[in-house]
Amino acid sequence: MTDKKIAPEAEILDSDECWRLLEQTSIGRLGVVVDGQPDVFPVSFKRDGEGLVFRTGSGTKLQAIEANSMVALEADSVSAEFGLAWSVVVKGTAVEDDAASPVLNETRRGLFPWQGVGQDHLIRIIPQSVTGRRFALTATGTWQTPLNEATRAGLE
């Protein structure tokens, strides 16, 4: 059930605009499969050519990528001030890259994982698809109201 007066029309973004938006942020959510179930992890990433790179430690994310290299990374932004939101999803293959490669040193300097230490594995996402949407927030006040105070029935 979608009411055109409530649900904004999404603008489909072309690939160039998606990459431009990805360069404006460095935080995304990485979707992987862990023990046969989908899981999502926050990551700090950077664009590197026609791909994305991020650092991780030896743990659940790395094990999931080694078991199934197909991943999705989503990044987004919401501006209540300007009444706009966007979301970009990159789907592709994750491969471990040489963290000591001179080509990657410049990119790696800008990668600051949330946990900082022990993030010795450099992962590159080789995109198979890049899609994005942008839309105006018609109910901008909703984005500024704490959930426990929001009127939800009208938006569900």
C-alpha atoms as a PDB file:
ATOM      1  CA  MET A   1       0.000   0.000   0.000  1.00  0.00           C
ATOM      2  CA  THR A   2       1.668   3.166  -1.201  1.00  0.00           C
ATOM      3  CA  ASP A   3       0.028   6.568  -1.062  1.00  0.00           C
ATOM      4  CA  LYS A   4       1.711   8.942  -3.543  1.00  0.00           C
ATOM      5  CA  LYS A   5       0.978  11.819  -1.152  1.00  0.00           C
ATOM      6  CA  ILE A   6       3.036  10.167   1.600  1.00  0.00           C
ATOM      7  CA  ALA A   7       5.688   8.107  -0.191  1.00  0.00           C
ATOM      8  CA  PRO A   8       8.070  10.257  -2.258  1.00  0.00           C
ATOM      9  CA  GLU A   9       8.967   9.275  -5.814  1.00  0.00           C
ATOM     10  CA  ALA A  10      12.520   7.961  -5.993  1.00  0.00           C
ATOM     11  CA  GLU A  11      14.886   9.346  -8.613  1.00  0.00           C
ATOM     12  CA  ILE A  12      16.942   6.543 -10.161  1.00  0.00           C
ATOM     13  CA  LEU A  13      20.610   7.609 -10.192  1.00  0.00           C
ATOM     14  CA  ASP A  14      23.006   6.799 -12.995  1.00  0.00           C
ATOM     15  CA  SER A  15      26.348   5.138 -12.294  1.00  0.00           C
ATOM     16  CA  ASP A  16      28.365   8.382 -12.431  1.00  0.00           C
ATOM     17  CA  GLU A  17      26.112  10.044  -9.841  1.00  0.00           C
ATOM     18  CA  CYS A  18      26.317   6.956  -7.601  1.00  0.00           C
ATOM     19  CA  TRP A  19      30.126   7.065  -7.644  1.00  0.00           C
ATOM     20  CA  ARG A  20      30.081  10.828  -6.962  1.00  0.00           C
ATOM     21  CA  LEU A  21      27.894  10.270  -3.896  1.00  0.00           C
ATOM     22  CA  LEU A  22      30.087   7.389  -2.677  1.00  0.00           C
ATOM     23  CA  GLU A  23      33.057   9.780  -2.732  1.00  0.00           C
ATOM     24  CA  GLN A  24      31.176  12.120  -0.352  1.00  0.00           C
ATOM     25  CA  THR A  25      30.964   9.572   2.454  1.00  0.00           C
ATOM     26  CA  SER A  26      33.240   6.993   4.004  1.00  0.00           C
ATOM     27  CA  ILE A  27      30.846   4.950   6.140  1.00  0.00           C
ATOM     28  CA  GLY A  28      28.714   2.153   4.764  1.00  0.00           C
ATOM     29  CA  ARG A  29      27.162  -1.138   5.676  1.00  0.00           C
ATOM     30  CA  LEU A  30      28.655  -4.337   4.290  1.00  0.00           C
ATOM     31  CA  GLY A  31      26.257  -7.216   3.666  1.00  0.00           C
ATOM     32  CA  VAL A  32      27.741 -10.717   3.766  1.00  0.00           C
ATOM     33  CA  VAL A  33      26.508 -14.259   4.362  1.00  0.00           C
ATOM     34  CA  VAL A  34      27.535 -15.750   7.729  1.00  0.00           C
ATOM     35  CA  ASP A  35      26.694 -19.400   8.364  1.00  0.00           C
ATOM     36  CA  GLY A  36      24.027 -19.293   5.664  1.00  0.00           C
ATOM     37  CA  GLN A  37      22.361 -16.171   7.082  1.00  0.00           C
ATOM     38  CA  PRO A  38      22.633 -12.538   5.924  1.00  0.00           C
ATOM     39  CA  ASP A  39      24.559 -10.216   8.212  1.00  0.00           C
ATOM     40  CA  VAL A  40      25.522  -6.545   8.036  1.00  0.00           C
ATOM     41  CA  PHE A  41      28.599  -4.742   9.389  1.00  0.00           C
ATOM     42  CA  PRO A  42      29.557  -1.056   9.429  1.00  0.00           C
ATOM     43  CA  VAL A  43      32.765  -0.327   7.515  1.00  0.00           C
ATOM     44  CA  SER A  44      34.892   2.679   6.644  1.00  0.00           C
ATOM     45  CA  PHE A  45      35.563   2.575   2.906  1.00  0.00           C
ATOM     46  CA  LYS A  46      37.163   4.588   0.124  1.00  0.00           C
ATOM     47  CA  ARG A  47      36.703   4.601  -3.610  1.00  0.00           C
ATOM     48  CA  ASP A  48      39.739   3.286  -5.437  1.00  0.00           C
ATOM     49  CA  GLY A  49      39.350   3.511  -9.189  1.00  0.00           C
ATOM     50  CA  GLU A  50      36.211   1.629 -10.187  1.00  0.00           C
ATOM     51  CA  GLY A  51      35.985  -0.204  -6.878  1.00  0.00           C
ATOM     52  CA  LEU A  52      35.847   0.252  -3.128  1.00  0.00           C
ATOM     53  CA  VAL A  53      38.383  -0.727  -0.482  1.00  0.00           C
ATOM     54  CA  PHE A  54      38.128  -1.181   3.282  1.00  0.00           C
ATOM     55  CA  ARG A  55      40.223  -2.678   6.052  1.00  0.00           C
ATOM     56  CA  THR A  56      39.187  -5.430   8.414  1.00  0.00           C
ATOM     57  CA  GLY A  57      40.664  -7.767  10.965  1.00  0.00           C
ATOM     58  CA  SER A  58      40.659 -11.543  11.181  1.00  0.00           C
ATOM     59  CA  GLY A  59      37.106 -12.244  12.262  1.00  0.00           C
ATOM     60  CA  THR A  60      33.548 -12.755  11.121  1.00  0.00           C
ATOM     61  CA  LYS A  61      33.646 -10.388   8.093  1.00  0.00           C
ATOM     62  CA  LEU A  62      36.864 -11.860   6.716  1.00  0.00           C
ATOM     63  CA  GLN A  63      35.703 -15.440   7.292  1.00  0.00           C
ATOM     64  CA  ALA A  64      32.398 -14.674   5.557  1.00  0.00           C
ATOM     65  CA  ILE A  65      34.204 -13.144   2.561  1.00  0.00           C
ATOM     66  CA  GLU A  66      36.543 -16.142   2.339  1.00  0.00           C
ATOM     67  CA  ALA A  67      33.532 -18.505   2.380  1.00  0.00           C
ATOM     68  CA  ASN A  68      31.427 -16.480  -0.098  1.00  0.00           C
ATOM     69  CA  SER A  69      32.991 -13.522  -1.882  1.00  0.00           C
ATOM     70  CA  MET A  70      29.662 -12.060  -3.078  1.00  0.00           C
ATOM     71  CA  VAL A  71      28.910  -8.930  -1.017  1.00  0.00           C
ATOM     72  CA  ALA A  72      26.815  -5.779  -1.051  1.00  0.00           C
ATOM     73  CA  LEU A  73      27.839  -2.422   0.376  1.00  0.00           C
ATOM     74  CA  GLU A  74      25.222   0.258   1.034  1.00  0.00           C
ATOM     75  CA  ALA A  75      25.941   3.892   1.842  1.00  0.00           C
ATOM     76  CA  ASP A  76      23.410   6.656   2.329  1.00  0.00           C
ATOM     77  CA  SER A  77      22.767  10.133   3.593  1.00  0.00           C
ATOM     78  CA  VAL A  78      19.714  11.934   4.939  1.00  0.00           C
ATOM     79  CA  SER A  79      19.538  15.719   5.104  1.00  0.00           C
ATOM     80  CA  ALA A  80      16.527  16.862   7.103  1.00  0.00           C
ATOM     81  CA  GLU A  81      17.717  20.438   6.566  1.00  0.00           C
ATOM     82  CA  PHE A  82      17.474  20.163   2.771  1.00  0.00           C
ATOM     83  CA  GLY A  83      14.740  17.516   2.701  1.00  0.00           C
ATOM     84  CA  LEU A  84      16.757  15.045   0.614  1.00  0.00           C
ATOM     85  CA  ALA A  85      17.970  11.496   1.058  1.00  0.00           C
ATOM     86  CA  TRP A  86      19.998   9.113  -1.099  1.00  0.00           C
ATOM     87  CA  SER A  87      21.114   5.506  -0.992  1.00  0.00           C
ATOM     88  CA  VAL A  88      23.681   3.711  -3.160  1.00  0.00           C
ATOM     89  CA  VAL A  89      24.237  -0.057  -3.252  1.00  0.00           C
ATOM     90  CA  VAL A  90      27.349  -1.660  -4.724  1.00  0.00           C
ATOM     91  CA  LYS A  91      27.109  -5.414  -5.336  1.00  0.00           C
ATOM     92  CA  GLY A  92      30.148  -7.398  -6.305  1.00  0.00           C
ATOM     93  CA  THR A  93      33.004  -9.655  -5.392  1.00  0.00           C
ATOM     94  CA  ALA A  94      35.205  -9.014  -2.364  1.00  0.00           C
ATOM     95  CA  VAL A  95      38.855 -10.023  -2.676  1.00  0.00           C
ATOM     96  CA  GLU A  96      41.736  -9.559  -0.300  1.00  0.00           C
ATOM     97  CA  ASP A  97      44.283  -7.170  -1.758  1.00  0.00           C
ATOM     98  CA  ASP A  98      47.954  -6.755  -0.954  1.00  0.00           C
ATOM     99  CA  ALA A  99      47.924  -4.290   1.948  1.00  0.00           C
ATOM    100  CA  ALA A 100      51.607  -3.500   1.284  1.00  0.00           C
ATOM    101  CA  SER A 101      51.080  -2.605  -2.388  1.00  0.00           C
ATOM    102  CA  PRO A 102      52.561   0.833  -3.189  1.00  0.00           C
ATOM    103  CA  VAL A 103      49.520   1.592  -5.381  1.00  0.00           C
ATOM    104  CA  LEU A 104      47.212   1.227  -2.383  1.00  0.00           C
ATOM    105  CA  ASN A 105      49.281   3.177   0.134  1.00  0.00           C
ATOM    106  CA  GLU A 106      47.606   6.481  -0.751  1.00  0.00           C
ATOM    107  CA  THR A 107      44.116   5.011  -0.471  1.00  0.00           C
ATOM    108  CA  ARG A 108      44.905   3.086   2.689  1.00  0.00           C
ATOM    109  CA  ARG A 109      46.120   6.214   4.501  1.00  0.00           C
ATOM    110  CA  GLY A 110      42.592   7.549   4.330  1.00  0.00           C
ATOM    111  CA  LEU A 111      40.987   4.408   5.733  1.00  0.00           C
ATOM    112  CA  PHE A 112      40.258   4.673   9.433  1.00  0.00           C
ATOM    113  CA  PRO A 113      38.461   1.541  10.684  1.00  0.00           C
ATOM    114  CA  TRP A 114      36.259   2.042  13.717  1.00  0.00           C
ATOM    115  CA  GLN A 115      38.333  -0.360  15.804  1.00  0.00           C
ATOM    116  CA  GLY A 116      41.632   1.095  14.615  1.00  0.00           C
ATOM    117  CA  VAL A 117      44.154  -1.618  15.491  1.00  0.00           C
ATOM    118  CA  GLY A 118      44.358  -5.133  14.126  1.00  0.00           C
ATOM    119  CA  GLN A 119      42.702  -4.237  10.822  1.00  0.00           C
ATOM    120  CA  ASP A 120      45.485  -5.732   8.725  1.00  0.00           C
ATOM    121  CA  HIS A 121      43.440  -7.081   5.806  1.00  0.00           C
ATOM    122  CA  LEU A 122      42.696  -4.802   2.868  1.00  0.00           C
ATOM    123  CA  ILE A 123      39.534  -5.871   1.033  1.00  0.00           C
ATOM    124  CA  ARG A 124      38.609  -4.651  -2.435  1.00  0.00           C
ATOM    125  CA  ILE A 125      35.057  -4.816  -3.754  1.00  0.00           C
ATOM    126  CA  ILE A 126      35.019  -5.362  -7.505  1.00  0.00           C
ATOM    127  CA  PRO A 127      31.578  -4.060  -8.525  1.00  0.00           C
ATOM    128  CA  GLN A 128      29.169  -6.020 -10.670  1.00  0.00           C
ATOM    129  CA  SER A 129      26.386  -3.474 -10.210  1.00  0.00           C
ATOM    130  CA  VAL A 130      26.040   0.021  -8.770  1.00  0.00           C
ATOM    131  CA  THR A 131      22.547   1.360  -8.179  1.00  0.00           C
ATOM    132  CA  GLY A 132      21.202   4.376  -6.383  1.00  0.00           C
ATOM    133  CA  ARG A 133      18.117   6.312  -5.479  1.00  0.00           C
ATOM    134  CA  ARG A 134      17.513   9.889  -4.341  1.00  0.00           C
ATOM    135  CA  PHE A 135      14.247  11.283  -3.056  1.00  0.00           C
ATOM    136  CA  ALA A 136      12.763  14.317  -1.379  1.00  0.00           C
ATOM    137  CA  LEU A 137      11.582  13.909   2.185  1.00  0.00           C
ATOM    138  CA  THR A 138       8.019  15.121   2.177  1.00  0.00           C
ATOM    139  CA  ALA A 139       7.661  14.596   5.928  1.00  0.00           C
ATOM    140  CA  THR A 140      10.981  16.134   6.984  1.00  0.00           C
ATOM    141  CA  GLY A 141       9.871  16.568  10.592  1.00  0.00           C
ATOM    142  CA  THR A 142       9.771  12.788  10.943  1.00  0.00           C
ATOM    143  CA  TRP A 143      13.569  12.654  10.590  1.00  0.00           C
ATOM    144  CA  GLN A 144      13.997  15.021  13.524  1.00  0.00           C
ATOM    145  CA  THR A 145      11.464  13.417  15.897  1.00  0.00           C
ATOM    146  CA  PRO A 146      12.684  10.725  18.316  1.00  0.00           C
ATOM    147  CA  LEU A 147      11.053   7.390  17.479  1.00  0.00           C
ATOM    148  CA  ASN A 148       9.368   7.135  20.870  1.00  0.00           C
ATOM    149  CA  GLU A 149       7.570  10.444  20.128  1.00  0.00           C
ATOM    150  CA  ALA A 150       6.804   9.917  16.434  1.00  0.00           C
ATOM    151  CA  THR A 151       3.337   9.278  15.076  1.00  0.00           C
ATOM    152  CA  ARG A 152       3.938   6.102  13.131  1.00  0.00           C
ATOM    153  CA  ALA A 153       0.553   4.993  11.838  1.00  0.00           C
ATOM    154  CA  GLY A 154       0.431   7.567   9.047  1.00  0.00           C
ATOM    155  CA  LEU A 155       3.800   6.535   7.635  1.00  0.00           C
ATOM    156  CA  GLU A 156       3.449   2.748   7.782  1.00  0.00           C
END
